[in-house]
Amino acid sequence: KGTPIEQAMLDVTPMGRLGKPAEIAAGVAY
C-alpha cells in the first residue's frame, strides 16, 4: 500500500481497481 507496486497493480488491471474479497468468495461458492 502506498508504494509504486500498488500503483503498478492498478495500472495493469483493465478495470482499474483492486478486487474485493467477496468477489473471490462468490467464485469459490459456485
PDB file of all heavy atoms in Angstrom:
ATOM      1  N   LYS A   1       0.825  -1.207   0.000  1.00  0.00           N
ATOM      2  CA  LYS A   1       0.000   0.000   0.000  1.00  0.00           C
ATOM      3  C   LYS A   1       0.860   1.259   0.000  1.00  0.00           C
ATOM      4  O   LYS A   1       1.809   1.389   0.771  1.00  0.00           O
ATOM      5  CB  LYS A   1      -0.928   0.010   1.221  1.00  0.00           C
ATOM      6  CG  LYS A   1      -2.059  -1.016   1.160  1.00  0.00           C
ATOM      7  CD  LYS A   1      -3.067  -0.670   0.085  1.00  0.00           C
ATOM      8  CE  LYS A   1      -4.226  -1.661   0.036  1.00  0.00           C
ATOM      9  NZ  LYS A   1      -5.056  -1.618   1.250  1.00  0.00           N
ATOM     10  N   GLY A   2       0.505   2.197  -0.878  1.00  0.00           N
ATOM     11  CA  GLY A   2       1.208   3.461  -0.944  1.00  0.00           C
ATOM     12  C   GLY A   2       2.560   3.404  -1.617  1.00  0.00           C
ATOM     13  O   GLY A   2       3.303   4.389  -1.611  1.00  0.00           O
ATOM     14  N   THR A   3       2.888   2.271  -2.219  1.00  0.00           N
ATOM     15  CA  THR A   3       4.172   2.117  -2.906  1.00  0.00           C
ATOM     16  C   THR A   3       3.945   2.083  -4.413  1.00  0.00           C
ATOM     17  O   THR A   3       2.814   1.930  -4.885  1.00  0.00           O
ATOM     18  CB  THR A   3       4.863   0.812  -2.488  1.00  0.00           C
ATOM     19  OG1 THR A   3       4.147  -0.304  -3.068  1.00  0.00           O
ATOM     20  CG2 THR A   3       4.882   0.658  -0.967  1.00  0.00           C
ATOM     21  N   PRO A   4       5.026   2.219  -5.194  1.00  0.00           N
ATOM     22  CA  PRO A   4       4.890   2.103  -6.649  1.00  0.00           C
ATOM     23  C   PRO A   4       4.307   0.757  -7.085  1.00  0.00           C
ATOM     24  O   PRO A   4       3.685   0.656  -8.145  1.00  0.00           O
ATOM     25  CB  PRO A   4       6.320   2.277  -7.148  1.00  0.00           C
ATOM     26  CG  PRO A   4       6.985   3.104  -6.092  1.00  0.00           C
ATOM     27  CD  PRO A   4       6.383   2.633  -4.798  1.00  0.00           C
ATOM     28  N   ILE A   5       4.483  -0.268  -6.249  1.00  0.00           N
ATOM     29  CA  ILE A   5       3.942  -1.585  -6.598  1.00  0.00           C
ATOM     30  C   ILE A   5       2.419  -1.543  -6.623  1.00  0.00           C
ATOM     31  O   ILE A   5       1.784  -2.119  -7.516  1.00  0.00           O
ATOM     32  CB  ILE A   5       4.455  -2.648  -5.614  1.00  0.00           C
ATOM     33  CG1 ILE A   5       5.954  -2.858  -5.806  1.00  0.00           C
ATOM     34  CG2 ILE A   5       3.703  -3.965  -5.793  1.00  0.00           C
ATOM     35  CD1 ILE A   5       6.577  -3.840  -4.846  1.00  0.00           C
ATOM     36  N   GLU A   6       1.809  -0.848  -5.651  1.00  0.00           N
ATOM     37  CA  GLU A   6       0.350  -0.745  -5.653  1.00  0.00           C
ATOM     38  C   GLU A   6      -0.134  -0.032  -6.914  1.00  0.00           C
ATOM     39  O   GLU A   6      -1.103  -0.479  -7.551  1.00  0.00           O
ATOM     40  CB  GLU A   6      -0.144   0.006  -4.425  1.00  0.00           C
ATOM     41  CG  GLU A   6      -1.677   0.122  -4.402  1.00  0.00           C
ATOM     42  CD  GLU A   6      -2.193   0.977  -3.256  1.00  0.00           C
ATOM     43  OE1 GLU A   6      -1.461   1.838  -2.763  1.00  0.00           O
ATOM     44  OE2 GLU A   6      -3.360   0.769  -2.869  1.00  0.00           O
ATOM     45  N   GLN A   7       0.531   1.044  -7.280  1.00  0.00           N
ATOM     46  CA  GLN A   7       0.121   1.766  -8.485  1.00  0.00           C
ATOM     47  C   GLN A   7       0.298   0.904  -9.722  1.00  0.00           C
ATOM     48  O   GLN A   7      -0.525   0.931 -10.640  1.00  0.00           O
ATOM     49  CB  GLN A   7       0.911   3.062  -8.636  1.00  0.00           C
ATOM     50  CG  GLN A   7       0.405   3.959  -9.768  1.00  0.00           C
ATOM     51  CD  GLN A   7      -1.061   4.328  -9.608  1.00  0.00           C
ATOM     52  OE1 GLN A   7      -1.479   4.786  -8.542  1.00  0.00           O
ATOM     53  NE2 GLN A   7      -1.869   4.107 -10.652  1.00  0.00           N
ATOM     54  N   ALA A   8       1.360   0.110  -9.737  1.00  0.00           N
ATOM     55  CA  ALA A   8       1.583  -0.787 -10.869  1.00  0.00           C
ATOM     56  C   ALA A   8       0.455  -1.805 -10.987  1.00  0.00           C
ATOM     57  O   ALA A   8       0.022  -2.154 -12.086  1.00  0.00           O
ATOM     58  CB  ALA A   8       2.921  -1.493 -10.721  1.00  0.00           C
ATOM     59  N   MET A   9      -0.034  -2.284  -9.840  1.00  0.00           N
ATOM     60  CA  MET A   9      -1.159  -3.236  -9.847  1.00  0.00           C
ATOM     61  C   MET A   9      -2.391  -2.609 -10.489  1.00  0.00           C
ATOM     62  O   MET A   9      -3.076  -3.242 -11.299  1.00  0.00           O
ATOM     63  CB  MET A   9      -1.488  -3.663  -8.410  1.00  0.00           C
ATOM     64  CG  MET A   9      -0.439  -4.500  -7.739  1.00  0.00           C
ATOM     65  SD  MET A   9      -0.900  -4.826  -6.010  1.00  0.00           S
ATOM     66  CE  MET A   9       0.534  -5.737  -5.445  1.00  0.00           C
ATOM     67  N   LEU A  10      -2.665  -1.379 -10.117  1.00  0.00           N
ATOM     68  CA  LEU A  10      -3.831  -0.692 -10.682  1.00  0.00           C
ATOM     69  C   LEU A  10      -3.630  -0.436 -12.174  1.00  0.00           C
ATOM     70  O   LEU A  10      -4.568  -0.564 -12.970  1.00  0.00           O
ATOM     71  CB  LEU A  10      -4.063   0.621  -9.942  1.00  0.00           C
ATOM     72  CG  LEU A  10      -4.384   0.498  -8.448  1.00  0.00           C
ATOM     73  CD1 LEU A  10      -4.478   1.880  -7.813  1.00  0.00           C
ATOM     74  CD2 LEU A  10      -5.674  -0.271  -8.226  1.00  0.00           C
ATOM     75  N   ASP A  11      -2.413  -0.081 -12.549  1.00  0.00           N
ATOM     76  CA  ASP A  11      -2.132   0.247 -13.947  1.00  0.00           C
ATOM     77  C   ASP A  11      -2.310  -0.948 -14.877  1.00  0.00           C
ATOM     78  O   ASP A  11      -2.691  -0.773 -16.041  1.00  0.00           O
ATOM     79  CB  ASP A  11      -0.714   0.799 -14.080  1.00  0.00           C
ATOM     80  CG  ASP A  11      -0.555   2.181 -13.462  1.00  0.00           C
ATOM     81  OD1 ASP A  11      -1.581   2.846 -13.210  1.00  0.00           O
ATOM     82  OD2 ASP A  11       0.605   2.586 -13.221  1.00  0.00           O
ATOM     83  N   VAL A  12      -2.018  -2.163 -14.371  1.00  0.00           N
ATOM     84  CA  VAL A  12      -2.097  -3.339 -15.244  1.00  0.00           C
ATOM     85  C   VAL A  12      -3.425  -4.077 -15.116  1.00  0.00           C
ATOM     86  O   VAL A  12      -3.618  -5.115 -15.755  1.00  0.00           O
ATOM     87  CB  VAL A  12      -0.935  -4.322 -14.977  1.00  0.00           C
ATOM     88  CG1 VAL A  12       0.397  -3.661 -15.279  1.00  0.00           C
ATOM     89  CG2 VAL A  12      -0.979  -4.836 -13.538  1.00  0.00           C
ATOM     90  N   THR A  13      -4.328  -3.559 -14.299  1.00  0.00           N
ATOM     91  CA  THR A  13      -5.665  -4.161 -14.172  1.00  0.00           C
ATOM     92  C   THR A  13      -6.637  -3.360 -15.030  1.00  0.00           C
ATOM     93  O   THR A  13      -6.919  -2.196 -14.723  1.00  0.00           O
ATOM     94  CB  THR A  13      -6.132  -4.151 -12.703  1.00  0.00           C
ATOM     95  OG1 THR A  13      -5.195  -4.897 -11.909  1.00  0.00           O
ATOM     96  CG2 THR A  13      -7.511  -4.776 -12.572  1.00  0.00           C
ATOM     97  N   PRO A  14      -7.147  -3.923 -16.123  1.00  0.00           N
ATOM     98  CA  PRO A  14      -8.016  -3.168 -17.022  1.00  0.00           C
ATOM     99  C   PRO A  14      -9.200  -2.496 -16.338  1.00  0.00           C
ATOM    100  O   PRO A  14      -9.612  -1.404 -16.748  1.00  0.00           O
ATOM    101  CB  PRO A  14      -8.480  -4.227 -18.021  1.00  0.00           C
ATOM    102  CG  PRO A  14      -7.319  -5.168 -18.093  1.00  0.00           C
ATOM    103  CD  PRO A  14      -6.813  -5.252 -16.688  1.00  0.00           C
ATOM    104  N   MET A  15      -9.750  -3.100 -15.283  1.00  0.00           N
ATOM    105  CA  MET A  15     -10.883  -2.490 -14.589  1.00  0.00           C
ATOM    106  C   MET A  15     -10.454  -1.360 -13.654  1.00  0.00           C
ATOM    107  O   MET A  15     -11.301  -0.661 -13.098  1.00  0.00           O
ATOM    108  CB  MET A  15     -11.700  -3.542 -13.848  1.00  0.00           C
ATOM    109  CG  MET A  15     -12.414  -4.504 -14.793  1.00  0.00           C
ATOM    110  SD  MET A  15     -13.453  -5.741 -13.952  1.00  0.00           S
ATOM    111  CE  MET A  15     -14.804  -4.697 -13.393  1.00  0.00           C
ATOM    112  N   GLY A  16      -9.149  -1.182 -13.467  1.00  0.00           N
ATOM    113  CA  GLY A  16      -8.621  -0.026 -12.782  1.00  0.00           C
ATOM    114  C   GLY A  16      -8.854   0.045 -11.287  1.00  0.00           C
ATOM    115  O   GLY A  16      -8.805   1.122 -10.694  1.00  0.00           O
ATOM    116  N   ARG A  17      -9.087  -1.084 -10.644  1.00  0.00           N
ATOM    117  CA  ARG A  17      -9.283  -1.093  -9.193  1.00  0.00           C
ATOM    118  C   ARG A  17      -8.836  -2.426  -8.622  1.00  0.00           C
ATOM    119  O   ARG A  17      -8.630  -3.397  -9.361  1.00  0.00           O
ATOM    120  CB  ARG A  17     -10.762  -0.881  -8.842  1.00  0.00           C
ATOM    121  CG  ARG A  17     -11.704  -2.010  -9.282  1.00  0.00           C
ATOM    122  CD  ARG A  17     -13.089  -1.826  -8.694  1.00  0.00           C
ATOM    123  NE  ARG A  17     -14.055  -2.810  -9.157  1.00  0.00           N
ATOM    124  CZ  ARG A  17     -14.245  -4.009  -8.604  1.00  0.00           C
ATOM    125  NH1 ARG A  17     -13.493  -4.391  -7.571  1.00  0.00           N
ATOM    126  NH2 ARG A  17     -15.166  -4.836  -9.074  1.00  0.00           N
ATOM    127  N   LEU A  18      -8.687  -2.454  -7.305  1.00  0.00           N
ATOM    128  CA  LEU A  18      -8.449  -3.715  -6.626  1.00  0.00           C
ATOM    129  C   LEU A  18      -9.763  -4.484  -6.504  1.00  0.00           C
ATOM    130  O   LEU A  18     -10.835  -3.885  -6.401  1.00  0.00           O
ATOM    131  CB  LEU A  18      -7.873  -3.479  -5.225  1.00  0.00           C
ATOM    132  CG  LEU A  18      -6.517  -2.777  -5.134  1.00  0.00           C
ATOM    133  CD1 LEU A  18      -6.124  -2.584  -3.673  1.00  0.00           C
ATOM    134  CD2 LEU A  18      -5.440  -3.567  -5.873  1.00  0.00           C
ATOM    135  N   GLY A  19      -9.663  -5.810  -6.515  1.00  0.00           N
ATOM    136  CA  GLY A  19     -10.847  -6.622  -6.310  1.00  0.00           C
ATOM    137  C   GLY A  19     -11.228  -6.676  -4.843  1.00  0.00           C
ATOM    138  O   GLY A  19     -10.469  -6.273  -3.959  1.00  0.00           O
ATOM    139  N   LYS A  20     -12.411  -7.189  -4.580  1.00  0.00           N
ATOM    140  CA  LYS A  20     -12.915  -7.325  -3.220  1.00  0.00           C
ATOM    141  C   LYS A  20     -12.910  -8.805  -2.823  1.00  0.00           C
ATOM    142  O   LYS A  20     -13.205  -9.678  -3.643  1.00  0.00           O
ATOM    143  CB  LYS A  20     -14.337  -6.777  -3.125  1.00  0.00           C
ATOM    144  CG  LYS A  20     -14.460  -5.312  -3.540  1.00  0.00           C
ATOM    145  CD  LYS A  20     -15.926  -4.899  -3.597  1.00  0.00           C
ATOM    146  CE  LYS A  20     -16.065  -3.475  -4.109  1.00  0.00           C
ATOM    147  NZ  LYS A  20     -17.502  -3.079  -4.244  1.00  0.00           N
ATOM    148  N   PRO A  21     -12.600  -9.098  -1.558  1.00  0.00           N
ATOM    149  CA  PRO A  21     -12.630 -10.493  -1.115  1.00  0.00           C
ATOM    150  C   PRO A  21     -13.951 -11.196  -1.429  1.00  0.00           C
ATOM    151  O   PRO A  21     -13.959 -12.382  -1.780  1.00  0.00           O
ATOM    152  CB  PRO A  21     -12.393 -10.382   0.391  1.00  0.00           C
ATOM    153  CG  PRO A  21     -11.579  -9.141   0.541  1.00  0.00           C
ATOM    154  CD  PRO A  21     -12.120  -8.194  -0.489  1.00  0.00           C
ATOM    155  N   ALA A  22     -15.068 -10.480  -1.316  1.00  0.00           N
ATOM    156  CA  ALA A  22     -16.370 -11.088  -1.585  1.00  0.00           C
ATOM    157  C   ALA A  22     -16.501 -11.540  -3.030  1.00  0.00           C
ATOM    158  O   ALA A  22     -17.249 -12.486  -3.324  1.00  0.00           O
ATOM    159  CB  ALA A  22     -17.491 -10.108  -1.245  1.00  0.00           C
ATOM    160  N   GLU A  23     -15.767 -10.891  -3.932  1.00  0.00           N
ATOM    161  CA  GLU A  23     -15.834 -11.288  -5.342  1.00  0.00           C
ATOM    162  C   GLU A  23     -15.130 -12.614  -5.570  1.00  0.00           C
ATOM    163  O   GLU A  23     -15.538 -13.409  -6.428  1.00  0.00           O
ATOM    164  CB  GLU A  23     -15.241 -10.169  -6.205  1.00  0.00           C
ATOM    165  CG  GLU A  23     -16.093  -8.907  -6.185  1.00  0.00           C
ATOM    166  CD  GLU A  23     -15.458  -7.720  -6.872  1.00  0.00           C
ATOM    167  OE1 GLU A  23     -14.256  -7.445  -6.633  1.00  0.00           O
ATOM    168  OE2 GLU A  23     -16.159  -7.031  -7.641  1.00  0.00           O
ATOM    169  N   ILE A  24     -14.080 -12.882  -4.807  1.00  0.00           N
ATOM    170  CA  ILE A  24     -13.422 -14.192  -4.873  1.00  0.00           C
ATOM    171  C   ILE A  24     -14.297 -15.244  -4.213  1.00  0.00           C
ATOM    172  O   ILE A  24     -14.463 -16.363  -4.720  1.00  0.00           O
ATOM    173  CB  ILE A  24     -12.044 -14.139  -4.196  1.00  0.00           C
ATOM    174  CG1 ILE A  24     -11.202 -12.991  -4.757  1.00  0.00           C
ATOM    175  CG2 ILE A  24     -11.334 -15.476  -4.366  1.00  0.00           C
ATOM    176  CD1 ILE A  24     -11.012 -13.020  -6.248  1.00  0.00           C
ATOM    177  N   ALA A  25     -14.887 -14.889  -3.078  1.00  0.00           N
ATOM    178  CA  ALA A  25     -15.748 -15.827  -2.353  1.00  0.00           C
ATOM    179  C   ALA A  25     -16.917 -16.292  -3.212  1.00  0.00           C
ATOM    180  O   ALA A  25     -17.342 -17.448  -3.120  1.00  0.00           O
ATOM    181  CB  ALA A  25     -16.260 -15.181  -1.069  1.00  0.00           C
ATOM    182  N   ALA A  26     -17.431 -15.411  -4.051  1.00  0.00           N
ATOM    183  CA  ALA A  26     -18.543 -15.793  -4.926  1.00  0.00           C
ATOM    184  C   ALA A  26     -18.122 -16.885  -5.904  1.00  0.00           C
ATOM    185  O   ALA A  26     -18.890 -17.818  -6.187  1.00  0.00           O
ATOM    186  CB  ALA A  26     -19.055 -14.566  -5.681  1.00  0.00           C
ATOM    187  N   GLY A  27     -16.911 -16.777  -6.425  1.00  0.00           N
ATOM    188  CA  GLY A  27     -16.408 -17.815  -7.323  1.00  0.00           C
ATOM    189  C   GLY A  27     -16.194 -19.131  -6.612  1.00  0.00           C
ATOM    190  O   GLY A  27     -16.493 -20.207  -7.145  1.00  0.00           O
ATOM    191  N   VAL A  28     -15.690 -19.064  -5.390  1.00  0.00           N
ATOM    192  CA  VAL A  28     -15.497 -20.277  -4.598  1.00  0.00           C
ATOM    193  C   VAL A  28     -16.832 -20.949  -4.319  1.00  0.00           C
ATOM    194  O   VAL A  28     -16.967 -22.178  -4.430  1.00  0.00           O
ATOM    195  CB  VAL A  28     -14.779 -19.946  -3.272  1.00  0.00           C
ATOM    196  CG1 VAL A  28     -14.717 -21.180  -2.382  1.00  0.00           C
ATOM    197  CG2 VAL A  28     -13.372 -19.417  -3.539  1.00  0.00           C
ATOM    198  N   ALA A  29     -17.833 -20.156  -3.979  1.00  0.00           N
ATOM    199  CA  ALA A  29     -19.151 -20.716  -3.671  1.00  0.00           C
ATOM    200  C   ALA A  29     -19.734 -21.435  -4.878  1.00  0.00           C
ATOM    201  O   ALA A  29     -20.368 -22.498  -4.739  1.00  0.00           O
ATOM    202  CB  ALA A  29     -20.092 -19.611  -3.207  1.00  0.00           C
ATOM    203  N   TYR A  30     -19.537 -20.879  -6.066  1.00  0.00           N
ATOM    204  CA  TYR A  30     -20.003 -21.556  -7.284  1.00  0.00           C
ATOM    205  C   TYR A  30     -19.318 -22.905  -7.441  1.00  0.00           C
ATOM    206  O   TYR A  30     -19.985 -23.938  -7.654  1.00  0.00           O
ATOM    207  CB  TYR A  30     -19.734 -20.674  -8.500  1.00  0.00           C
ATOM    208  CG  TYR A  30     -19.714 -21.436  -9.805  1.00  0.00           C
ATOM    209  CD1 TYR A  30     -20.882 -22.002 -10.323  1.00  0.00           C
ATOM    210  CD2 TYR A  30     -18.522 -21.615 -10.505  1.00  0.00           C
ATOM    211  CE1 TYR A  30     -20.854 -22.728 -11.516  1.00  0.00           C
ATOM    212  CE2 TYR A  30     -18.496 -22.329 -11.687  1.00  0.00           C
ATOM    213  CZ  TYR A  30     -19.658 -22.893 -12.191  1.00  0.00           C
ATOM    214  OH  TYR A  30     -19.624 -23.612 -13.365  1.00  0.00           O
TER     215      TYR A  30
END
